[in-house]
Amino acid sequence: MKPLQSFAIIVMLTLFSACAIPDLKSSPGSYCIKTKDGREVLCHGKPLLQESTGYYRYRTLDNRDAVIRQDDVATIEKRNA
């Protein structure tokens, strides 16, 4: 593949991926998990507590599944649009 073609493909993929990144402020389903040690974790949708394990499951901003211990969570707040 020619260098110019490779560069053009990379530029197009970058532009398309930038368009796909959601704007957190306009996303009505975003939540902020505040931990007891002061961290803030932003996520899509309301985190769900799995009582059998003691962990909250949530979806990160880059669309990955994640968990956080219930004992580490201070508050969970819905973000305004």
C-alpha atoms as a PDB file:
ATOM      1  CA  MET A   1       0.000   0.000   0.000  1.00  0.00           C
ATOM      2  CA  LYS A   2       1.288   3.441  -0.845  1.00  0.00           C
ATOM      3  CA  PRO A   3       2.148   5.813   2.023  1.00  0.00           C
ATOM      4  CA  LEU A   4      -0.406   8.380   0.839  1.00  0.00           C
ATOM      5  CA  GLN A   5      -3.187   5.789   0.832  1.00  0.00           C
ATOM      6  CA  SER A   6      -2.232   4.642   4.324  1.00  0.00           C
ATOM      7  CA  PHE A   7      -2.248   8.222   5.572  1.00  0.00           C
ATOM      8  CA  ALA A   8      -5.667   8.886   3.994  1.00  0.00           C
ATOM      9  CA  ILE A   9      -7.125   5.755   5.634  1.00  0.00           C
ATOM     10  CA  ILE A  10      -5.747   6.732   9.028  1.00  0.00           C
ATOM     11  CA  VAL A  11      -7.186  10.246   8.719  1.00  0.00           C
ATOM     12  CA  MET A  12     -10.613   8.899   7.713  1.00  0.00           C
ATOM     13  CA  LEU A  13     -10.689   6.396  10.582  1.00  0.00           C
ATOM     14  CA  THR A  14      -9.704   9.115  13.029  1.00  0.00           C
ATOM     15  CA  LEU A  15     -12.468  11.408  11.806  1.00  0.00           C
ATOM     16  CA  PHE A  16     -15.084   8.655  11.924  1.00  0.00           C
ATOM     17  CA  SER A  17     -14.082   7.587  15.431  1.00  0.00           C
ATOM     18  CA  ALA A  18     -14.189  11.201  16.653  1.00  0.00           C
ATOM     19  CA  CYS A  19     -17.781  11.453  15.430  1.00  0.00           C
ATOM     20  CA  ALA A  20     -18.707   8.283  17.289  1.00  0.00           C
ATOM     21  CA  ILE A  21     -17.511   9.523  20.696  1.00  0.00           C
ATOM     22  CA  PRO A  22     -20.586  10.560  22.698  1.00  0.00           C
ATOM     23  CA  ASP A  23     -20.788  13.969  24.330  1.00  0.00           C
ATOM     24  CA  LEU A  24     -21.134  13.230  28.033  1.00  0.00           C
ATOM     25  CA  LYS A  25     -22.954  16.479  28.787  1.00  0.00           C
ATOM     26  CA  SER A  26     -25.696  15.717  26.280  1.00  0.00           C
ATOM     27  CA  SER A  27     -26.035  12.045  27.190  1.00  0.00           C
ATOM     28  CA  PRO A  28     -29.134  11.677  29.390  1.00  0.00           C
ATOM     29  CA  GLY A  29     -28.089   8.259  30.666  1.00  0.00           C
ATOM     30  CA  SER A  30     -24.722   9.104  32.169  1.00  0.00           C
ATOM     31  CA  TYR A  31     -23.870   8.647  35.838  1.00  0.00           C
ATOM     32  CA  CYS A  32     -21.009   9.647  38.121  1.00  0.00           C
ATOM     33  CA  ILE A  33     -19.759   7.169  40.708  1.00  0.00           C
ATOM     34  CA  LYS A  34     -17.950   8.996  43.518  1.00  0.00           C
ATOM     35  CA  THR A  35     -15.639   6.829  45.573  1.00  0.00           C
ATOM     36  CA  LYS A  36     -14.764   7.178  49.236  1.00  0.00           C
ATOM     37  CA  ASP A  37     -11.190   8.102  48.324  1.00  0.00           C
ATOM     38  CA  GLY A  38     -12.366  11.054  46.178  1.00  0.00           C
ATOM     39  CA  ARG A  39     -12.219   9.598  42.671  1.00  0.00           C
ATOM     40  CA  GLU A  40     -15.021  10.134  40.174  1.00  0.00           C
ATOM     41  CA  VAL A  41     -15.885   7.468  37.630  1.00  0.00           C
ATOM     42  CA  LEU A  42     -18.156   8.442  34.726  1.00  0.00           C
ATOM     43  CA  CYS A  43     -20.282   5.750  33.133  1.00  0.00           C
ATOM     44  CA  HIS A  44     -23.145   5.122  30.689  1.00  0.00           C
ATOM     45  CA  GLY A  45     -26.370   3.972  32.292  1.00  0.00           C
ATOM     46  CA  LYS A  46     -27.053   3.371  35.956  1.00  0.00           C
ATOM     47  CA  PRO A  47     -24.579   1.024  37.653  1.00  0.00           C
ATOM     48  CA  LEU A  48     -26.193  -2.215  38.791  1.00  0.00           C
ATOM     49  CA  LEU A  49     -25.364  -3.739  42.166  1.00  0.00           C
ATOM     50  CA  GLN A  50     -24.776  -7.475  42.154  1.00  0.00           C
ATOM     51  CA  GLU A  51     -25.603  -8.281  45.748  1.00  0.00           C
ATOM     52  CA  SER A  52     -24.150 -11.793  45.530  1.00  0.00           C
ATOM     53  CA  THR A  53     -20.672 -10.402  44.789  1.00  0.00           C
ATOM     54  CA  GLY A  54     -20.858  -6.944  46.401  1.00  0.00           C
ATOM     55  CA  TYR A  55     -19.760  -5.206  43.179  1.00  0.00           C
ATOM     56  CA  TYR A  56     -21.392  -2.584  40.985  1.00  0.00           C
ATOM     57  CA  ARG A  57     -21.287  -3.365  37.256  1.00  0.00           C
ATOM     58  CA  TYR A  58     -21.206  -0.426  34.849  1.00  0.00           C
ATOM     59  CA  ARG A  59     -20.332   0.562  31.286  1.00  0.00           C
ATOM     60  CA  THR A  60     -17.329   2.887  30.855  1.00  0.00           C
ATOM     61  CA  LEU A  61     -17.273   5.847  28.478  1.00  0.00           C
ATOM     62  CA  ASP A  62     -15.283   3.774  25.986  1.00  0.00           C
ATOM     63  CA  ASN A  63     -18.005   1.071  26.070  1.00  0.00           C
ATOM     64  CA  ARG A  64     -16.237  -1.496  28.228  1.00  0.00           C
ATOM     65  CA  ASP A  65     -17.754  -3.425  31.096  1.00  0.00           C
ATOM     66  CA  ALA A  66     -16.251  -2.669  34.503  1.00  0.00           C
ATOM     67  CA  VAL A  67     -16.866  -3.327  38.185  1.00  0.00           C
ATOM     68  CA  ILE A  68     -16.249  -1.436  41.403  1.00  0.00           C
ATOM     69  CA  ARG A  69     -16.617  -2.678  44.971  1.00  0.00           C
ATOM     70  CA  GLN A  70     -19.742  -1.528  46.780  1.00  0.00           C
ATOM     71  CA  ASP A  71     -17.625  -0.711  49.855  1.00  0.00           C
ATOM     72  CA  ASP A  72     -15.563   1.762  47.777  1.00  0.00           C
ATOM     73  CA  VAL A  73     -18.603   3.744  46.549  1.00  0.00           C
ATOM     74  CA  ALA A  74     -19.681   6.906  48.383  1.00  0.00           C
ATOM     75  CA  THR A  75     -22.458   8.069  46.020  1.00  0.00           C
ATOM     76  CA  ILE A  76     -23.892   7.447  42.560  1.00  0.00           C
ATOM     77  CA  GLU A  77     -25.392  10.509  40.893  1.00  0.00           C
ATOM     78  CA  LYS A  78     -27.184  10.962  37.597  1.00  0.00           C
ATOM     79  CA  ARG A  79     -25.517  13.585  35.397  1.00  0.00           C
ATOM     80  CA  ASN A  80     -27.781  16.296  34.016  1.00  0.00           C
ATOM     81  CA  ALA A  81     -28.076  16.799  30.285  1.00  0.00           C
END
